[in-house]
Amino acid sequence: MQARMAHPALSIPGAMQALQGLGAAVASTGLGKTLLELVNLRASQLNGCSVCVRMHAADLRKEGESDDRIDTVSAWRDTPYFTDAERAALELTEAVTLLPGRPDPVSDELWAEVNRHYTEQQVQGLLLSISGINVWNRLNAATRQVAVTPRRS
């Protein structure tokens, strides 16, 4: 497989800085790196972005996450490995990522559950993070960016 073109975020002046700036803003909201990586992995799975699935699974492993948790993110509802707060974030990720065809993509019940676990600033951070990973996923999918296995040292 070969990419269709150079990655737009690397080619358009200021694009990478803008996307990285969004990530830096999210990091300031008090959300943990592991939670954000779980969100990134789940959205990337839904969007079929192999580059991001590989990268975020690897990042979770670097954070010390177990294979059980990483391997079952796509089936988080049916496993005992996630906290209630993580489950709320993963459900929000799915709702925001899969917007089409639903009259109320983020139900009042889901909104209340998310807000039960996170401060308003953290909910804002989750929404920005989910939106940001969806941008990356869509750019990678459209341009057919290729997931590569990093070299072992």
C-alpha atoms as a PDB file:
ATOM      1  CA  MET A   1       0.000   0.000   0.000  1.00  0.00           C
ATOM      2  CA  GLN A   2       1.208   3.478  -0.807  1.00  0.00           C
ATOM      3  CA  ALA A   3      -0.083   6.870   0.306  1.00  0.00           C
ATOM      4  CA  ARG A   4      -1.935   8.865  -2.332  1.00  0.00           C
ATOM      5  CA  MET A   5      -0.101  12.056  -1.453  1.00  0.00           C
ATOM      6  CA  ALA A   6       2.037  13.688   1.178  1.00  0.00           C
ATOM      7  CA  HIS A   7       0.150  14.220   4.419  1.00  0.00           C
ATOM      8  CA  PRO A   8      -1.692  17.570   4.322  1.00  0.00           C
ATOM      9  CA  ALA A   9      -0.717  18.361   7.922  1.00  0.00           C
ATOM     10  CA  LEU A  10       2.926  18.066   6.912  1.00  0.00           C
ATOM     11  CA  SER A  11       2.532  19.940   3.627  1.00  0.00           C
ATOM     12  CA  ILE A  12       0.332  22.959   4.376  1.00  0.00           C
ATOM     13  CA  PRO A  13       2.232  25.638   6.323  1.00  0.00           C
ATOM     14  CA  GLY A  14       0.829  26.004   9.826  1.00  0.00           C
ATOM     15  CA  ALA A  15      -1.424  22.930   9.670  1.00  0.00           C
ATOM     16  CA  MET A  16       0.705  20.695  11.898  1.00  0.00           C
ATOM     17  CA  GLN A  17       1.182  23.504  14.423  1.00  0.00           C
ATOM     18  CA  ALA A  18      -2.570  24.089  14.515  1.00  0.00           C
ATOM     19  CA  LEU A  19      -3.327  20.410  15.120  1.00  0.00           C
ATOM     20  CA  GLN A  20      -0.588  20.141  17.728  1.00  0.00           C
ATOM     21  CA  GLY A  21      -1.925  23.298  19.374  1.00  0.00           C
ATOM     22  CA  LEU A  22      -5.311  21.645  19.748  1.00  0.00           C
ATOM     23  CA  GLY A  23      -3.633  18.681  21.427  1.00  0.00           C
ATOM     24  CA  ALA A  24      -1.706  20.963  23.765  1.00  0.00           C
ATOM     25  CA  ALA A  25      -4.913  22.765  24.722  1.00  0.00           C
ATOM     26  CA  VAL A  26      -6.587  19.450  25.536  1.00  0.00           C
ATOM     27  CA  ALA A  27      -3.603  18.426  27.681  1.00  0.00           C
ATOM     28  CA  SER A  28      -4.218  21.490  29.858  1.00  0.00           C
ATOM     29  CA  THR A  29      -7.728  20.342  30.848  1.00  0.00           C
ATOM     30  CA  GLY A  30      -6.588  17.820  33.437  1.00  0.00           C
ATOM     31  CA  LEU A  31      -7.545  14.704  31.484  1.00  0.00           C
ATOM     32  CA  GLY A  32      -5.083  11.859  31.871  1.00  0.00           C
ATOM     33  CA  LYS A  33      -2.891  10.714  28.994  1.00  0.00           C
ATOM     34  CA  THR A  34      -4.204   7.157  29.250  1.00  0.00           C
ATOM     35  CA  LEU A  35      -7.816   8.276  28.955  1.00  0.00           C
ATOM     36  CA  LEU A  36      -7.010  10.438  25.939  1.00  0.00           C
ATOM     37  CA  GLU A  37      -5.166   7.562  24.279  1.00  0.00           C
ATOM     38  CA  LEU A  38      -8.151   5.241  24.898  1.00  0.00           C
ATOM     39  CA  VAL A  39     -10.413   7.835  23.266  1.00  0.00           C
ATOM     40  CA  ASN A  40      -7.983   8.211  20.349  1.00  0.00           C
ATOM     41  CA  LEU A  41      -7.773   4.454  19.883  1.00  0.00           C
ATOM     42  CA  ARG A  42     -11.551   3.968  19.929  1.00  0.00           C
ATOM     43  CA  ALA A  43     -12.255   6.750  17.418  1.00  0.00           C
ATOM     44  CA  SER A  44      -9.474   5.455  15.184  1.00  0.00           C
ATOM     45  CA  GLN A  45     -10.949   1.949  15.286  1.00  0.00           C
ATOM     46  CA  LEU A  46     -14.360   3.294  14.307  1.00  0.00           C
ATOM     47  CA  ASN A  47     -12.859   5.298  11.452  1.00  0.00           C
ATOM     48  CA  GLY A  48     -10.638   2.485  10.204  1.00  0.00           C
ATOM     49  CA  CYS A  49      -7.467   4.554  10.521  1.00  0.00           C
ATOM     50  CA  SER A  50      -4.674   1.977  10.667  1.00  0.00           C
ATOM     51  CA  VAL A  51      -1.993   4.620  11.254  1.00  0.00           C
ATOM     52  CA  CYS A  52      -3.730   5.920  14.368  1.00  0.00           C
ATOM     53  CA  VAL A  53      -4.838   2.500  15.657  1.00  0.00           C
ATOM     54  CA  ARG A  54      -1.231   1.292  15.583  1.00  0.00           C
ATOM     55  CA  MET A  55       0.140   4.515  17.068  1.00  0.00           C
ATOM     56  CA  HIS A  56      -2.357   4.861  19.924  1.00  0.00           C
ATOM     57  CA  ALA A  57      -2.145   1.167  20.866  1.00  0.00           C
ATOM     58  CA  ALA A  58       1.652   1.547  20.985  1.00  0.00           C
ATOM     59  CA  ASP A  59       1.333   4.729  23.055  1.00  0.00           C
ATOM     60  CA  LEU A  60      -0.944   2.937  25.525  1.00  0.00           C
ATOM     61  CA  ARG A  61       1.618   0.155  25.866  1.00  0.00           C
ATOM     62  CA  LYS A  62       4.302   2.784  26.559  1.00  0.00           C
ATOM     63  CA  GLU A  63       2.022   4.158  29.291  1.00  0.00           C
ATOM     64  CA  GLY A  64       2.007   0.691  30.871  1.00  0.00           C
ATOM     65  CA  GLU A  65      -1.487  -0.318  29.836  1.00  0.00           C
ATOM     66  CA  SER A  66      -2.256  -4.025  29.781  1.00  0.00           C
ATOM     67  CA  ASP A  67      -2.878  -5.958  26.600  1.00  0.00           C
ATOM     68  CA  ASP A  68      -6.297  -6.883  28.038  1.00  0.00           C
ATOM     69  CA  ARG A  69      -7.371  -3.235  28.055  1.00  0.00           C
ATOM     70  CA  ILE A  70      -5.791  -2.319  24.727  1.00  0.00           C
ATOM     71  CA  ASP A  71      -7.096  -5.408  22.954  1.00  0.00           C
ATOM     72  CA  THR A  72     -10.669  -4.905  24.155  1.00  0.00           C
ATOM     73  CA  VAL A  73     -11.198  -1.179  23.597  1.00  0.00           C
ATOM     74  CA  SER A  74     -13.426  -2.023  20.629  1.00  0.00           C
ATOM     75  CA  ALA A  75     -15.573  -4.198  22.936  1.00  0.00           C
ATOM     76  CA  TRP A  76     -15.396  -1.994  26.023  1.00  0.00           C
ATOM     77  CA  ARG A  77     -19.074  -2.574  26.900  1.00  0.00           C
ATOM     78  CA  ASP A  78     -18.493  -6.310  27.292  1.00  0.00           C
ATOM     79  CA  THR A  79     -15.315  -6.358  29.363  1.00  0.00           C
ATOM     80  CA  PRO A  80     -14.504  -5.640  33.013  1.00  0.00           C
ATOM     81  CA  TYR A  81     -11.347  -3.659  32.228  1.00  0.00           C
ATOM     82  CA  PHE A  82     -12.695  -0.093  32.141  1.00  0.00           C
ATOM     83  CA  THR A  83     -13.860   2.263  34.872  1.00  0.00           C
ATOM     84  CA  ASP A  84     -17.260   3.939  34.744  1.00  0.00           C
ATOM     85  CA  ALA A  85     -15.548   7.221  33.861  1.00  0.00           C
ATOM     86  CA  GLU A  86     -13.647   5.591  30.996  1.00  0.00           C
ATOM     87  CA  ARG A  87     -16.834   3.943  29.768  1.00  0.00           C
ATOM     88  CA  ALA A  88     -18.579   7.320  29.690  1.00  0.00           C
ATOM     89  CA  ALA A  89     -15.691   8.808  27.685  1.00  0.00           C
ATOM     90  CA  LEU A  90     -15.651   5.859  25.265  1.00  0.00           C
ATOM     91  CA  GLU A  91     -19.404   6.105  24.743  1.00  0.00           C
ATOM     92  CA  LEU A  92     -19.077   9.848  24.113  1.00  0.00           C
ATOM     93  CA  THR A  93     -16.295   9.078  21.629  1.00  0.00           C
ATOM     94  CA  GLU A  94     -18.568   6.720  19.718  1.00  0.00           C
ATOM     95  CA  ALA A  95     -21.477   9.165  19.759  1.00  0.00           C
ATOM     96  CA  VAL A  96     -19.424  12.115  18.509  1.00  0.00           C
ATOM     97  CA  THR A  97     -17.557  10.022  15.928  1.00  0.00           C
ATOM     98  CA  LEU A  98     -20.690   8.357  14.523  1.00  0.00           C
ATOM     99  CA  LEU A  99     -22.920  11.425  14.120  1.00  0.00           C
ATOM    100  CA  PRO A 100     -24.854  10.639  10.905  1.00  0.00           C
ATOM    101  CA  GLY A 101     -28.293   9.082  10.981  1.00  0.00           C
ATOM    102  CA  ARG A 102     -29.055   9.782  14.621  1.00  0.00           C
ATOM    103  CA  PRO A 103     -31.525  12.492  15.591  1.00  0.00           C
ATOM    104  CA  ASP A 104     -29.792  13.102  18.933  1.00  0.00           C
ATOM    105  CA  PRO A 105     -26.216  11.807  18.668  1.00  0.00           C
ATOM    106  CA  VAL A 106     -25.366  12.675  22.271  1.00  0.00           C
ATOM    107  CA  SER A 107     -28.402  11.822  24.382  1.00  0.00           C
ATOM    108  CA  ASP A 108     -29.246  13.695  27.546  1.00  0.00           C
ATOM    109  CA  GLU A 109     -28.538  10.483  29.477  1.00  0.00           C
ATOM    110  CA  LEU A 110     -25.054  10.177  28.004  1.00  0.00           C
ATOM    111  CA  TRP A 111     -24.402  13.875  28.567  1.00  0.00           C
ATOM    112  CA  ALA A 112     -25.405  13.530  32.230  1.00  0.00           C
ATOM    113  CA  GLU A 113     -23.220  10.427  32.663  1.00  0.00           C
ATOM    114  CA  VAL A 114     -20.177  12.137  31.154  1.00  0.00           C
ATOM    115  CA  ASN A 115     -20.734  15.201  33.337  1.00  0.00           C
ATOM    116  CA  ARG A 116     -21.042  12.965  36.405  1.00  0.00           C
ATOM    117  CA  HIS A 117     -17.411  11.898  35.926  1.00  0.00           C
ATOM    118  CA  TYR A 118     -15.727  14.967  34.489  1.00  0.00           C
ATOM    119  CA  THR A 119     -15.617  18.694  35.158  1.00  0.00           C
ATOM    120  CA  GLU A 120     -16.978  21.060  32.526  1.00  0.00           C
ATOM    121  CA  GLN A 121     -13.429  21.873  31.382  1.00  0.00           C
ATOM    122  CA  GLN A 122     -12.639  18.168  31.084  1.00  0.00           C
ATOM    123  CA  VAL A 123     -15.813  17.560  29.043  1.00  0.00           C
ATOM    124  CA  GLN A 124     -14.722  20.387  26.780  1.00  0.00           C
ATOM    125  CA  GLY A 125     -11.318  18.728  26.531  1.00  0.00           C
ATOM    126  CA  LEU A 126     -12.909  15.388  25.661  1.00  0.00           C
ATOM    127  CA  LEU A 127     -14.967  16.999  22.904  1.00  0.00           C
ATOM    128  CA  LEU A 128     -11.902  18.748  21.476  1.00  0.00           C
ATOM    129  CA  SER A 129      -9.860  15.556  21.698  1.00  0.00           C
ATOM    130  CA  ILE A 130     -12.538  13.471  19.958  1.00  0.00           C
ATOM    131  CA  SER A 131     -12.883  16.116  17.264  1.00  0.00           C
ATOM    132  CA  GLY A 132      -9.121  16.314  16.829  1.00  0.00           C
ATOM    133  CA  ILE A 133      -8.587  12.578  16.406  1.00  0.00           C
ATOM    134  CA  ASN A 134     -11.429  12.518  13.898  1.00  0.00           C
ATOM    135  CA  VAL A 135      -9.554  15.139  11.846  1.00  0.00           C
ATOM    136  CA  TRP A 136      -6.404  12.996  11.894  1.00  0.00           C
ATOM    137  CA  ASN A 137      -8.369   9.844  11.036  1.00  0.00           C
ATOM    138  CA  ARG A 138     -10.104  11.473   8.102  1.00  0.00           C
ATOM    139  CA  LEU A 139      -6.898  12.955   6.700  1.00  0.00           C
ATOM    140  CA  ASN A 140      -5.112   9.613   7.016  1.00  0.00           C
ATOM    141  CA  ALA A 141      -7.978   7.631   5.494  1.00  0.00           C
ATOM    142  CA  ALA A 142      -8.543  10.006   2.582  1.00  0.00           C
ATOM    143  CA  THR A 143      -4.874  10.087   1.645  1.00  0.00           C
ATOM    144  CA  ARG A 144      -4.343   6.388   2.444  1.00  0.00           C
ATOM    145  CA  GLN A 145      -1.495   6.969   4.850  1.00  0.00           C
ATOM    146  CA  VAL A 146       0.286   3.725   5.625  1.00  0.00           C
ATOM    147  CA  ALA A 147       0.758   2.308   9.106  1.00  0.00           C
ATOM    148  CA  VAL A 148       4.331   1.213   9.572  1.00  0.00           C
ATOM    149  CA  THR A 149       5.923  -0.867  12.264  1.00  0.00           C
ATOM    150  CA  PRO A 150       8.525   1.164  14.127  1.00  0.00           C
ATOM    151  CA  ARG A 151      12.045  -0.231  14.198  1.00  0.00           C
ATOM    152  CA  ARG A 152      13.120  -1.971  17.368  1.00  0.00           C
ATOM    153  CA  SER A 153      16.281  -0.668  18.927  1.00  0.00           C
END
